[in-house]
N, C-alpha and C. Protein backbone atom coordinates (compact mmCIF):
# COMPACT_ATOMS: atom_id res chain seq x y z
N UNK A 1 7.62 -13.58 -7.03
CA UNK A 1 7.93 -12.74 -5.87
C UNK A 1 9.27 -12.07 -6.07
N UNK A 2 9.37 -10.82 -5.62
CA UNK A 2 10.56 -10.01 -5.84
C UNK A 2 11.59 -10.27 -4.74
N UNK A 3 12.74 -10.88 -5.11
CA UNK A 3 13.79 -11.18 -4.15
C UNK A 3 14.98 -10.26 -4.38
N UNK A 4 15.75 -10.02 -3.32
CA UNK A 4 16.94 -9.19 -3.37
C UNK A 4 18.11 -10.05 -2.90
N UNK A 5 19.07 -10.28 -3.78
CA UNK A 5 20.20 -11.15 -3.46
C UNK A 5 21.00 -10.65 -2.26
N UNK A 6 20.90 -9.36 -1.96
CA UNK A 6 21.71 -8.78 -0.90
C UNK A 6 20.89 -8.44 0.35
N UNK A 7 19.67 -8.90 0.41
CA UNK A 7 18.80 -8.59 1.55
C UNK A 7 18.21 -9.89 2.09
N UNK A 8 18.97 -10.57 2.91
CA UNK A 8 18.55 -11.89 3.40
C UNK A 8 17.34 -11.80 4.31
N UNK A 9 17.20 -10.69 5.06
CA UNK A 9 16.05 -10.55 5.95
C UNK A 9 14.76 -10.47 5.16
N UNK A 10 14.73 -9.61 4.15
CA UNK A 10 13.53 -9.50 3.32
C UNK A 10 13.24 -10.81 2.60
N UNK A 11 14.29 -11.46 2.13
CA UNK A 11 14.08 -12.73 1.43
C UNK A 11 13.46 -13.77 2.35
N UNK A 12 13.87 -13.78 3.62
CA UNK A 12 13.28 -14.73 4.58
C UNK A 12 11.79 -14.46 4.76
N UNK A 13 11.43 -13.18 4.82
CA UNK A 13 10.02 -12.81 4.95
C UNK A 13 9.24 -13.27 3.71
N UNK A 14 9.81 -13.02 2.54
CA UNK A 14 9.11 -13.32 1.29
C UNK A 14 9.09 -14.81 0.98
N UNK A 15 9.91 -15.59 1.67
CA UNK A 15 9.91 -17.04 1.48
C UNK A 15 8.96 -17.75 2.45
N UNK A 16 8.28 -17.01 3.32
CA UNK A 16 7.38 -17.63 4.30
C UNK A 16 6.32 -18.47 3.59
N UNK A 17 6.03 -19.61 4.18
CA UNK A 17 5.08 -20.55 3.56
C UNK A 17 3.65 -20.36 4.06
N UNK A 18 3.48 -19.71 5.21
CA UNK A 18 2.15 -19.47 5.75
C UNK A 18 2.00 -17.99 6.09
N UNK A 19 0.75 -17.56 6.20
CA UNK A 19 0.52 -16.15 6.49
C UNK A 19 1.05 -15.78 7.87
N UNK A 20 0.83 -16.64 8.85
CA UNK A 20 1.30 -16.32 10.20
C UNK A 20 2.82 -16.26 10.25
N UNK A 21 3.49 -17.15 9.52
CA UNK A 21 4.96 -17.11 9.47
C UNK A 21 5.44 -15.82 8.82
N UNK A 22 4.76 -15.40 7.75
CA UNK A 22 5.09 -14.13 7.11
C UNK A 22 4.92 -12.97 8.08
N UNK A 23 3.80 -12.94 8.76
CA UNK A 23 3.49 -11.83 9.67
C UNK A 23 4.50 -11.75 10.81
N UNK A 24 4.81 -12.90 11.39
CA UNK A 24 5.78 -12.93 12.48
C UNK A 24 7.17 -12.50 12.02
N UNK A 25 7.55 -12.94 10.83
CA UNK A 25 8.87 -12.60 10.30
C UNK A 25 8.98 -11.11 10.00
N UNK A 26 7.93 -10.52 9.47
CA UNK A 26 7.97 -9.10 9.14
C UNK A 26 8.01 -8.25 10.41
N UNK A 27 7.24 -8.63 11.42
CA UNK A 27 7.28 -7.89 12.69
C UNK A 27 8.66 -8.00 13.33
N UNK A 28 9.20 -9.21 13.32
CA UNK A 28 10.51 -9.44 13.96
C UNK A 28 11.66 -8.78 13.21
N UNK A 29 11.46 -8.46 11.95
CA UNK A 29 12.55 -7.94 11.12
C UNK A 29 12.98 -6.53 11.50
N UNK A 30 12.08 -5.78 12.15
CA UNK A 30 12.35 -4.37 12.43
C UNK A 30 12.78 -3.67 11.14
N UNK A 31 12.00 -3.87 10.10
CA UNK A 31 12.33 -3.42 8.73
C UNK A 31 12.87 -1.99 8.72
N UNK A 32 13.99 -1.81 8.00
CA UNK A 32 14.63 -0.50 7.87
C UNK A 32 14.78 -0.11 6.39
N UNK A 33 13.91 -0.62 5.55
CA UNK A 33 14.10 -0.44 4.10
C UNK A 33 13.81 0.97 3.62
N UNK A 34 13.10 1.78 4.41
CA UNK A 34 12.87 3.17 4.02
C UNK A 34 12.89 4.05 5.25
N UNK A 35 13.01 5.37 5.10
CA UNK A 35 13.12 6.26 6.26
C UNK A 35 11.92 6.27 7.19
N UNK A 36 10.77 5.78 6.76
CA UNK A 36 9.61 5.75 7.65
C UNK A 36 9.87 4.92 8.90
N UNK A 37 10.81 3.99 8.82
CA UNK A 37 11.12 3.14 9.97
C UNK A 37 11.63 3.96 11.15
N UNK A 38 12.22 5.12 10.88
CA UNK A 38 12.82 5.92 11.94
C UNK A 38 11.78 6.58 12.84
N UNK A 39 10.57 6.76 12.33
CA UNK A 39 9.57 7.46 13.11
C UNK A 39 8.42 6.60 13.60
N UNK A 40 8.42 5.34 13.29
CA UNK A 40 7.27 4.49 13.64
C UNK A 40 7.38 3.94 15.05
N UNK A 41 6.22 3.54 15.59
CA UNK A 41 6.18 2.74 16.82
C UNK A 41 5.99 1.26 16.49
N UNK A 42 5.16 0.98 15.50
CA UNK A 42 4.87 -0.41 15.11
C UNK A 42 4.84 -0.55 13.59
N UNK A 43 5.25 -1.72 13.12
CA UNK A 43 4.95 -2.14 11.76
C UNK A 43 3.50 -2.62 11.76
N UNK A 44 2.67 -2.01 10.94
CA UNK A 44 1.23 -2.31 10.93
C UNK A 44 0.94 -3.21 9.74
N UNK A 45 0.59 -4.44 10.02
CA UNK A 45 0.42 -5.41 8.94
C UNK A 45 -1.03 -5.60 8.55
N UNK A 46 -1.93 -5.71 9.50
CA UNK A 46 -3.31 -6.01 9.14
C UNK A 46 -4.23 -5.83 10.33
N UNK A 47 -5.50 -6.12 10.09
CA UNK A 47 -6.51 -6.33 11.12
C UNK A 47 -7.61 -7.17 10.49
N UNK A 48 -8.16 -8.08 11.26
CA UNK A 48 -9.27 -8.88 10.76
C UNK A 48 -8.96 -10.36 10.73
N UNK A 49 -9.56 -11.05 9.77
CA UNK A 49 -9.52 -12.51 9.70
C UNK A 49 -8.67 -12.96 8.52
N UNK A 50 -7.54 -13.57 8.81
CA UNK A 50 -6.64 -14.01 7.73
C UNK A 50 -7.20 -15.19 6.95
N UNK A 51 -8.31 -15.78 7.42
CA UNK A 51 -8.97 -16.85 6.67
C UNK A 51 -10.09 -16.32 5.77
N UNK A 52 -10.37 -15.03 5.86
CA UNK A 52 -11.44 -14.45 5.05
C UNK A 52 -11.05 -14.43 3.58
N UNK A 53 -12.05 -14.45 2.73
CA UNK A 53 -11.82 -14.45 1.28
C UNK A 53 -11.77 -13.04 0.71
N UNK A 54 -11.98 -12.03 1.55
CA UNK A 54 -12.01 -10.64 1.09
C UNK A 54 -10.90 -9.84 1.74
N UNK A 55 -10.11 -9.16 0.92
CA UNK A 55 -9.02 -8.31 1.40
C UNK A 55 -9.35 -6.86 1.07
N UNK A 56 -9.26 -5.99 2.07
CA UNK A 56 -9.43 -4.56 1.89
C UNK A 56 -8.05 -3.90 2.00
N UNK A 57 -7.73 -3.02 1.06
CA UNK A 57 -6.41 -2.40 1.03
C UNK A 57 -6.54 -0.89 1.09
N UNK A 58 -6.01 -0.31 2.16
CA UNK A 58 -6.02 1.13 2.33
C UNK A 58 -4.69 1.74 1.92
N UNK A 59 -4.41 2.92 2.47
CA UNK A 59 -3.24 3.69 2.05
C UNK A 59 -2.05 3.47 2.97
N UNK A 60 -2.19 3.83 4.25
CA UNK A 60 -1.07 3.78 5.19
C UNK A 60 -1.61 3.87 6.60
N UNK A 61 -0.85 3.40 7.59
CA UNK A 61 -1.28 3.55 8.98
C UNK A 61 -1.32 5.02 9.38
N UNK A 62 -2.24 5.35 10.29
CA UNK A 62 -2.29 6.67 10.91
C UNK A 62 -1.76 6.61 12.33
N UNK A 63 -2.04 7.64 13.09
CA UNK A 63 -1.49 7.73 14.45
C UNK A 63 -1.96 6.60 15.34
N UNK A 64 -3.26 6.31 15.34
CA UNK A 64 -3.78 5.25 16.21
C UNK A 64 -3.28 3.88 15.77
N UNK A 65 -3.19 3.68 14.47
CA UNK A 65 -2.69 2.40 13.96
C UNK A 65 -1.23 2.19 14.36
N UNK A 66 -0.45 3.25 14.27
CA UNK A 66 0.97 3.19 14.65
C UNK A 66 1.12 2.86 16.13
N UNK A 67 0.26 3.42 16.96
CA UNK A 67 0.33 3.16 18.40
C UNK A 67 -0.07 1.72 18.73
N UNK A 68 -1.11 1.22 18.05
CA UNK A 68 -1.66 -0.10 18.40
C UNK A 68 -1.09 -1.24 17.58
N UNK A 69 -0.48 -0.93 16.43
CA UNK A 69 0.04 -1.98 15.56
C UNK A 69 -1.04 -2.74 14.83
N UNK A 70 -2.20 -2.11 14.63
CA UNK A 70 -3.32 -2.73 13.94
C UNK A 70 -3.90 -1.76 12.91
N UNK A 71 -4.35 -2.28 11.79
CA UNK A 71 -4.84 -1.44 10.70
C UNK A 71 -6.25 -0.92 10.97
N UNK A 72 -6.50 0.32 10.58
CA UNK A 72 -7.83 0.92 10.59
C UNK A 72 -8.51 0.82 11.97
N UNK A 73 -7.88 1.39 12.97
CA UNK A 73 -8.47 1.41 14.31
C UNK A 73 -8.77 2.83 14.78
N UNK A 74 -8.47 3.85 13.96
CA UNK A 74 -8.78 5.23 14.31
C UNK A 74 -10.20 5.59 13.90
N UNK A 75 -10.46 6.88 13.80
CA UNK A 75 -11.82 7.35 13.48
C UNK A 75 -12.29 6.82 12.13
N UNK A 76 -11.41 6.82 11.14
CA UNK A 76 -11.80 6.32 9.82
C UNK A 76 -12.15 4.84 9.89
N UNK A 77 -11.34 4.07 10.60
CA UNK A 77 -11.61 2.65 10.74
C UNK A 77 -12.90 2.37 11.48
N UNK A 78 -13.18 3.17 12.50
CA UNK A 78 -14.43 2.99 13.24
C UNK A 78 -15.63 3.30 12.37
N UNK A 79 -15.52 4.35 11.54
CA UNK A 79 -16.62 4.65 10.62
C UNK A 79 -16.79 3.53 9.61
N UNK A 80 -15.67 3.01 9.09
CA UNK A 80 -15.76 1.92 8.13
C UNK A 80 -16.42 0.69 8.76
N UNK A 81 -16.02 0.36 9.98
CA UNK A 81 -16.63 -0.79 10.67
C UNK A 81 -18.14 -0.61 10.78
N UNK A 82 -18.56 0.59 11.18
CA UNK A 82 -19.98 0.87 11.37
C UNK A 82 -20.74 0.75 10.05
N UNK A 83 -20.20 1.37 9.00
CA UNK A 83 -20.90 1.36 7.71
C UNK A 83 -20.94 -0.04 7.11
N UNK A 84 -19.85 -0.79 7.26
CA UNK A 84 -19.84 -2.15 6.73
C UNK A 84 -20.80 -3.04 7.50
N UNK A 85 -20.85 -2.86 8.81
CA UNK A 85 -21.77 -3.67 9.60
C UNK A 85 -23.22 -3.40 9.19
N UNK A 86 -23.53 -2.14 8.87
CA UNK A 86 -24.86 -1.80 8.39
C UNK A 86 -25.16 -2.47 7.05
N UNK A 87 -24.10 -2.77 6.28
CA UNK A 87 -24.27 -3.47 5.00
C UNK A 87 -24.20 -4.99 5.16
N UNK A 88 -24.04 -5.47 6.40
CA UNK A 88 -23.99 -6.90 6.65
C UNK A 88 -22.60 -7.49 6.61
N UNK A 89 -21.57 -6.64 6.72
CA UNK A 89 -20.17 -7.10 6.66
C UNK A 89 -19.51 -6.84 8.00
N UNK A 90 -19.00 -7.88 8.62
CA UNK A 90 -18.23 -7.76 9.86
C UNK A 90 -16.75 -7.72 9.47
N UNK A 91 -16.11 -6.56 9.60
CA UNK A 91 -14.74 -6.42 9.11
C UNK A 91 -13.77 -7.34 9.84
N UNK A 92 -14.07 -7.70 11.08
CA UNK A 92 -13.15 -8.55 11.83
C UNK A 92 -13.33 -10.03 11.52
N UNK A 93 -14.42 -10.39 10.86
CA UNK A 93 -14.68 -11.78 10.50
C UNK A 93 -14.70 -12.01 8.99
N UNK A 94 -15.30 -11.09 8.26
CA UNK A 94 -15.53 -11.28 6.83
C UNK A 94 -14.40 -10.74 5.96
N UNK A 95 -13.47 -9.97 6.55
CA UNK A 95 -12.41 -9.36 5.76
C UNK A 95 -11.08 -9.39 6.51
N UNK A 96 -10.02 -9.20 5.76
CA UNK A 96 -8.73 -8.82 6.33
C UNK A 96 -8.40 -7.45 5.74
N UNK A 97 -7.90 -6.55 6.57
CA UNK A 97 -7.63 -5.18 6.17
C UNK A 97 -6.13 -4.94 6.24
N UNK A 98 -5.56 -4.40 5.16
CA UNK A 98 -4.13 -4.10 5.11
C UNK A 98 -3.97 -2.72 4.45
N UNK A 99 -2.72 -2.32 4.26
CA UNK A 99 -2.41 -1.03 3.63
C UNK A 99 -1.32 -1.20 2.58
N UNK A 100 -1.21 -0.20 1.71
CA UNK A 100 -0.14 -0.19 0.71
C UNK A 100 1.22 -0.22 1.39
N UNK A 101 1.41 0.59 2.45
CA UNK A 101 2.67 0.58 3.20
C UNK A 101 2.37 0.25 4.66
N UNK A 102 3.41 -0.20 5.38
CA UNK A 102 3.23 -0.73 6.73
C UNK A 102 3.59 0.23 7.84
N UNK A 103 4.18 1.39 7.52
CA UNK A 103 4.60 2.34 8.55
C UNK A 103 3.96 3.69 8.29
N UNK A 104 3.71 4.42 9.36
CA UNK A 104 3.01 5.69 9.27
C UNK A 104 3.89 6.78 8.66
N UNK A 105 3.42 7.46 7.62
CA UNK A 105 4.13 8.63 7.10
C UNK A 105 3.94 9.83 8.03
N UNK A 106 4.90 10.74 8.08
CA UNK A 106 4.76 11.94 8.92
C UNK A 106 3.49 12.73 8.57
N UNK A 107 2.78 13.14 9.61
CA UNK A 107 1.57 13.96 9.44
C UNK A 107 0.52 13.26 8.57
N UNK A 108 0.61 11.95 8.48
CA UNK A 108 -0.36 11.17 7.71
C UNK A 108 -0.40 11.57 6.23
N UNK A 109 0.72 12.03 5.70
CA UNK A 109 0.77 12.36 4.28
C UNK A 109 0.65 11.09 3.44
N UNK A 110 0.39 11.28 2.14
CA UNK A 110 0.35 10.14 1.22
C UNK A 110 1.74 9.53 1.10
N UNK A 111 1.85 8.22 0.95
CA UNK A 111 3.16 7.60 0.80
C UNK A 111 3.86 8.04 -0.48
N UNK A 112 5.17 8.21 -0.38
CA UNK A 112 5.98 8.53 -1.56
C UNK A 112 6.22 7.27 -2.37
N UNK A 113 6.50 7.45 -3.66
CA UNK A 113 6.68 6.31 -4.54
C UNK A 113 7.82 5.41 -4.05
N UNK A 114 8.92 6.00 -3.58
CA UNK A 114 10.04 5.19 -3.13
C UNK A 114 9.69 4.37 -1.89
N UNK A 115 8.78 4.88 -1.06
CA UNK A 115 8.32 4.11 0.10
C UNK A 115 7.44 2.96 -0.34
N UNK A 116 6.56 3.24 -1.29
CA UNK A 116 5.71 2.18 -1.84
C UNK A 116 6.56 1.09 -2.49
N UNK A 117 7.58 1.50 -3.23
CA UNK A 117 8.42 0.53 -3.94
C UNK A 117 9.09 -0.45 -2.97
N UNK A 118 9.47 0.04 -1.80
CA UNK A 118 10.12 -0.82 -0.81
C UNK A 118 9.12 -1.75 -0.12
N UNK A 119 7.90 -1.28 0.05
CA UNK A 119 6.92 -2.02 0.86
C UNK A 119 6.00 -2.92 0.05
N UNK A 120 5.79 -2.60 -1.22
CA UNK A 120 4.81 -3.33 -2.02
C UNK A 120 5.09 -4.83 -2.14
N UNK A 121 6.36 -5.27 -2.19
CA UNK A 121 6.59 -6.72 -2.23
C UNK A 121 5.98 -7.45 -1.02
N UNK A 122 5.93 -6.79 0.13
CA UNK A 122 5.32 -7.42 1.30
C UNK A 122 3.81 -7.55 1.12
N UNK A 123 3.17 -6.53 0.56
CA UNK A 123 1.74 -6.63 0.30
C UNK A 123 1.44 -7.70 -0.75
N UNK A 124 2.28 -7.77 -1.77
CA UNK A 124 2.08 -8.81 -2.78
C UNK A 124 2.21 -10.21 -2.17
N UNK A 125 3.12 -10.35 -1.23
CA UNK A 125 3.27 -11.64 -0.54
C UNK A 125 2.02 -11.93 0.29
N UNK A 126 1.49 -10.91 0.96
CA UNK A 126 0.25 -11.10 1.70
C UNK A 126 -0.85 -11.62 0.78
N UNK A 127 -0.99 -10.99 -0.38
CA UNK A 127 -2.04 -11.40 -1.32
C UNK A 127 -1.83 -12.83 -1.79
N UNK A 128 -0.58 -13.18 -2.06
CA UNK A 128 -0.29 -14.54 -2.53
C UNK A 128 -0.64 -15.58 -1.47
N UNK A 129 -0.37 -15.27 -0.21
CA UNK A 129 -0.66 -16.23 0.87
C UNK A 129 -2.14 -16.25 1.23
N UNK A 130 -2.80 -15.10 1.16
CA UNK A 130 -4.21 -15.02 1.53
C UNK A 130 -5.12 -15.59 0.44
N UNK A 131 -4.69 -15.44 -0.82
CA UNK A 131 -5.47 -15.93 -1.96
C UNK A 131 -6.91 -15.43 -1.91
N UNK A 132 -7.13 -14.12 -1.84
CA UNK A 132 -8.50 -13.61 -1.76
C UNK A 132 -9.25 -13.77 -3.07
N UNK A 133 -10.56 -13.81 -2.98
CA UNK A 133 -11.40 -13.84 -4.17
C UNK A 133 -12.02 -12.47 -4.43
N UNK A 134 -12.00 -11.59 -3.43
CA UNK A 134 -12.49 -10.23 -3.56
C UNK A 134 -11.46 -9.29 -2.95
N UNK A 135 -11.12 -8.22 -3.66
CA UNK A 135 -10.23 -7.19 -3.13
C UNK A 135 -10.92 -5.85 -3.24
N UNK A 136 -11.04 -5.15 -2.11
CA UNK A 136 -11.58 -3.80 -2.09
C UNK A 136 -10.46 -2.80 -1.94
N UNK A 137 -10.38 -1.86 -2.88
CA UNK A 137 -9.33 -0.83 -2.87
C UNK A 137 -9.92 0.44 -2.27
N UNK A 138 -9.40 0.82 -1.11
CA UNK A 138 -9.95 1.95 -0.36
C UNK A 138 -9.22 3.23 -0.74
N UNK A 139 -9.81 3.98 -1.62
CA UNK A 139 -9.27 5.28 -1.97
C UNK A 139 -8.39 5.30 -3.19
N UNK A 140 -8.09 6.52 -3.65
CA UNK A 140 -7.34 6.72 -4.89
C UNK A 140 -5.91 6.23 -4.80
N UNK A 141 -5.29 6.35 -3.63
CA UNK A 141 -3.89 5.91 -3.49
C UNK A 141 -3.78 4.41 -3.65
N UNK A 142 -4.70 3.68 -3.06
CA UNK A 142 -4.70 2.23 -3.20
C UNK A 142 -4.91 1.83 -4.65
N UNK A 143 -5.85 2.48 -5.32
CA UNK A 143 -6.09 2.19 -6.74
C UNK A 143 -4.85 2.48 -7.57
N UNK A 144 -4.22 3.62 -7.33
CA UNK A 144 -3.05 4.03 -8.11
C UNK A 144 -1.92 3.01 -8.04
N UNK A 145 -1.65 2.51 -6.83
CA UNK A 145 -0.47 1.66 -6.66
C UNK A 145 -0.77 0.18 -6.90
N UNK A 146 -2.02 -0.24 -6.81
CA UNK A 146 -2.34 -1.65 -7.00
C UNK A 146 -2.69 -1.98 -8.44
N UNK A 147 -3.27 -1.03 -9.16
CA UNK A 147 -3.74 -1.31 -10.52
C UNK A 147 -3.04 -0.37 -11.48
N UNK A 148 -1.78 -0.61 -11.71
CA UNK A 148 -1.04 0.20 -12.67
C UNK A 148 -1.58 -0.07 -14.06
N UNK A 149 -1.73 0.98 -14.83
CA UNK A 149 -2.24 0.82 -16.18
C UNK A 149 -3.74 0.98 -16.30
N UNK A 150 -4.47 0.95 -15.15
CA UNK A 150 -5.91 1.20 -15.23
C UNK A 150 -6.12 2.70 -15.44
N UNK A 151 -6.92 3.09 -16.39
CA UNK A 151 -7.14 4.51 -16.64
C UNK A 151 -7.57 5.25 -15.38
N UNK A 152 -6.84 6.30 -15.05
CA UNK A 152 -7.15 7.08 -13.86
C UNK A 152 -8.23 8.12 -14.21
N UNK A 153 -9.45 7.68 -14.22
CA UNK A 153 -10.55 8.55 -14.63
C UNK A 153 -11.11 9.35 -13.47
N UNK A 154 -10.57 9.16 -12.27
CA UNK A 154 -11.10 9.84 -11.11
C UNK A 154 -11.96 8.90 -10.28
N UNK A 155 -11.99 9.16 -8.99
CA UNK A 155 -12.72 8.28 -8.08
C UNK A 155 -14.20 8.24 -8.38
N UNK A 156 -14.78 9.36 -8.78
CA UNK A 156 -16.22 9.40 -9.01
C UNK A 156 -16.65 8.38 -10.07
N UNK A 157 -15.78 8.16 -11.07
CA UNK A 157 -16.09 7.21 -12.14
C UNK A 157 -15.71 5.78 -11.78
N UNK A 158 -14.78 5.62 -10.82
CA UNK A 158 -14.25 4.29 -10.52
C UNK A 158 -14.99 3.57 -9.40
N UNK A 159 -15.51 4.31 -8.43
CA UNK A 159 -16.03 3.68 -7.22
C UNK A 159 -17.29 2.87 -7.48
N UNK A 160 -17.39 1.77 -6.74
CA UNK A 160 -18.62 1.00 -6.70
C UNK A 160 -18.88 0.09 -7.88
N UNK A 161 -17.89 -0.05 -8.78
CA UNK A 161 -18.09 -0.84 -9.99
C UNK A 161 -17.11 -2.01 -10.02
N UNK A 162 -17.57 -3.23 -9.84
CA UNK A 162 -16.67 -4.39 -9.85
C UNK A 162 -15.94 -4.51 -11.19
N UNK A 163 -14.70 -4.97 -11.12
CA UNK A 163 -13.93 -5.19 -12.35
C UNK A 163 -12.90 -6.28 -12.09
N UNK A 164 -12.27 -6.74 -13.16
CA UNK A 164 -11.19 -7.71 -13.05
C UNK A 164 -9.93 -7.08 -13.65
N UNK A 165 -8.79 -7.69 -13.33
CA UNK A 165 -7.52 -7.18 -13.84
C UNK A 165 -6.54 -8.34 -13.97
N UNK A 166 -5.71 -8.35 -15.04
CA UNK A 166 -4.76 -9.46 -15.24
C UNK A 166 -3.79 -9.67 -14.10
N UNK A 167 -3.49 -8.63 -13.32
CA UNK A 167 -2.57 -8.79 -12.18
C UNK A 167 -3.14 -9.71 -11.11
N UNK A 168 -4.48 -9.83 -11.09
CA UNK A 168 -5.13 -10.61 -10.04
C UNK A 168 -6.13 -11.57 -10.66
N UNK A 169 -5.65 -12.67 -11.25
CA UNK A 169 -6.55 -13.62 -11.91
C UNK A 169 -7.60 -14.18 -10.94
N UNK A 170 -8.81 -14.30 -11.42
CA UNK A 170 -9.91 -14.91 -10.66
C UNK A 170 -10.26 -14.12 -9.39
N UNK A 171 -9.94 -12.83 -9.37
CA UNK A 171 -10.30 -11.96 -8.26
C UNK A 171 -11.25 -10.88 -8.75
N UNK A 172 -12.31 -10.64 -8.00
CA UNK A 172 -13.18 -9.51 -8.27
C UNK A 172 -12.67 -8.31 -7.46
N UNK A 173 -12.45 -7.20 -8.15
CA UNK A 173 -11.98 -5.99 -7.49
C UNK A 173 -13.08 -4.94 -7.49
N UNK A 174 -13.02 -4.08 -6.47
CA UNK A 174 -13.95 -2.96 -6.41
C UNK A 174 -13.24 -1.81 -5.71
N UNK A 175 -13.41 -0.61 -6.26
CA UNK A 175 -12.86 0.59 -5.66
C UNK A 175 -13.92 1.22 -4.76
N UNK A 176 -13.51 1.58 -3.55
CA UNK A 176 -14.41 2.22 -2.59
C UNK A 176 -13.79 3.53 -2.12
N UNK A 177 -14.63 4.46 -1.69
CA UNK A 177 -14.09 5.65 -1.05
C UNK A 177 -13.36 5.26 0.23
N UNK A 178 -12.25 5.94 0.48
CA UNK A 178 -11.56 5.73 1.75
C UNK A 178 -12.44 6.33 2.85
N UNK A 179 -12.60 5.64 3.98
CA UNK A 179 -13.47 6.19 5.03
C UNK A 179 -13.02 7.55 5.55
N UNK A 180 -11.72 7.85 5.47
CA UNK A 180 -11.26 9.19 5.88
C UNK A 180 -11.87 10.27 4.98
N UNK A 181 -12.10 9.93 3.72
CA UNK A 181 -12.74 10.87 2.80
C UNK A 181 -14.19 11.11 3.22
N UNK A 182 -14.86 10.07 3.68
CA UNK A 182 -16.24 10.22 4.14
C UNK A 182 -16.29 11.09 5.38
N UNK A 183 -15.28 10.98 6.24
CA UNK A 183 -15.23 11.87 7.41
C UNK A 183 -15.11 13.33 6.98
N UNK A 184 -14.35 13.57 5.91
CA UNK A 184 -14.16 14.94 5.44
C UNK A 184 -15.38 15.45 4.67
N UNK A 185 -16.09 14.54 4.01
CA UNK A 185 -17.25 14.93 3.21
C UNK A 185 -18.40 13.97 3.48
N UNK A 186 -19.11 14.16 4.60
CA UNK A 186 -20.20 13.24 4.97
C UNK A 186 -21.31 13.15 3.94
N UNK A 187 -21.36 14.11 3.01
CA UNK A 187 -22.40 14.04 1.97
C UNK A 187 -22.26 12.80 1.10
N UNK A 188 -21.06 12.23 1.06
CA UNK A 188 -20.81 11.03 0.25
C UNK A 188 -21.19 9.74 1.00
N UNK A 189 -21.62 9.86 2.23
CA UNK A 189 -21.91 8.65 3.02
C UNK A 189 -23.02 7.79 2.40
N UNK A 190 -24.14 8.36 1.94
CA UNK A 190 -25.16 7.51 1.31
C UNK A 190 -24.64 6.79 0.07
N UNK A 191 -23.79 7.45 -0.70
CA UNK A 191 -23.22 6.80 -1.88
C UNK A 191 -22.29 5.66 -1.47
N UNK A 192 -21.49 5.89 -0.45
CA UNK A 192 -20.62 4.83 0.07
C UNK A 192 -21.45 3.64 0.54
N UNK A 193 -22.58 3.91 1.18
CA UNK A 193 -23.44 2.83 1.65
C UNK A 193 -23.93 1.97 0.48
N UNK A 194 -24.24 2.61 -0.66
CA UNK A 194 -24.66 1.86 -1.84
C UNK A 194 -23.52 1.01 -2.38
N UNK A 195 -22.30 1.54 -2.36
CA UNK A 195 -21.14 0.78 -2.83
C UNK A 195 -20.89 -0.43 -1.93
N UNK A 196 -21.12 -0.28 -0.64
CA UNK A 196 -20.91 -1.39 0.28
C UNK A 196 -21.92 -2.51 0.07
N UNK A 197 -23.09 -2.17 -0.43
CA UNK A 197 -24.06 -3.22 -0.79
C UNK A 197 -23.51 -4.06 -1.94
N UNK A 198 -22.84 -3.40 -2.88
CA UNK A 198 -22.23 -4.12 -3.99
C UNK A 198 -21.11 -5.01 -3.47
N UNK A 199 -20.29 -4.47 -2.54
CA UNK A 199 -19.23 -5.28 -1.94
C UNK A 199 -19.81 -6.50 -1.23
N UNK A 200 -20.87 -6.31 -0.50
CA UNK A 200 -21.51 -7.43 0.21
C UNK A 200 -21.97 -8.51 -0.78
N UNK A 201 -22.50 -8.08 -1.90
CA UNK A 201 -22.93 -9.04 -2.93
C UNK A 201 -21.74 -9.82 -3.47
N UNK A 202 -20.62 -9.12 -3.72
CA UNK A 202 -19.41 -9.79 -4.19
C UNK A 202 -18.92 -10.80 -3.17
N UNK A 203 -18.92 -10.41 -1.90
CA UNK A 203 -18.47 -11.32 -0.86
C UNK A 203 -19.33 -12.58 -0.82
N UNK A 204 -20.64 -12.38 -0.91
CA UNK A 204 -21.55 -13.53 -0.87
C UNK A 204 -21.37 -14.43 -2.09
N UNK A 205 -21.08 -13.84 -3.24
CA UNK A 205 -20.96 -14.61 -4.47
C UNK A 205 -19.64 -15.36 -4.57
N UNK A 206 -18.58 -14.82 -3.98
CA UNK A 206 -17.23 -15.35 -4.24
C UNK A 206 -16.52 -15.93 -3.02
N UNK A 207 -17.14 -15.86 -1.86
CA UNK A 207 -16.42 -16.29 -0.65
C UNK A 207 -16.14 -17.78 -0.62
N UNK A 208 -16.86 -18.58 -1.38
CA UNK A 208 -16.65 -20.03 -1.35
C UNK A 208 -15.91 -20.55 -2.58
N UNK A 209 -15.28 -19.65 -3.33
CA UNK A 209 -14.64 -20.07 -4.58
C UNK A 209 -13.16 -20.38 -4.44
N UNK A 210 -12.60 -20.31 -3.26
CA UNK A 210 -11.16 -20.60 -3.11
C UNK A 210 -10.92 -22.09 -3.06
C-alpha cells in the first residue's frame, strides 16, 4: 500500500483494517488531495454489497452520484441495473460498484492523470479489503488506469473476454462497455447483453473461491 510520510490523514485511511472503517475514514477525511474536492458535494465511494465477490469499476461519479453520494445512480447506472438484472445479476446484492476516482470532474469529463494518481491508492485499498474474485472494468478509462501494460487494442477487441493479470492474482477480470456508452449508442445493447452473460458465468464460477 502506498503511504505518504507527510499525509497522516491518508495514511489513517490506508491503514484501516476493515472495509467499513476505510469507508468511514475516507468520508470523514474531507479529502483535499486534488482540485476536484473544491467542486464536489460528496465523496462517492461505492454502491452495492461489500460482502460480494464481484467488484465493478467505473470511471468517475456524475451529477446524480455527486448529489447522492452513491455510485452509478444516474441514467447510466439505472440502465446497468436493468441489463444486469436481465442477465441474472442483482447489482445491489451480487456486486460492489466503485470508480477510478471518488469526486465528480467538471462537466463529467474524463479524469486527469494527476487526479487518478491521487485517488488510485484508495481504490487499491478497497480492492485489498474486498478481496474480490471477479473484477469488471466498465469502459476504456477503467481499463487504462487499472491494467497498465495491457495492450490498448481498443474496446471492440477487449470487451467480453475474461483474462487474468499479475496485478490481481487469482482474480478473473473482464472488460465491459460503460453503460453511458450504451446510452449514446443503443445499437451496442445486444452485444453488452452477451457480455453480461459471460460476467454472470464468472460470478457463478468464482463467487465461492474466497
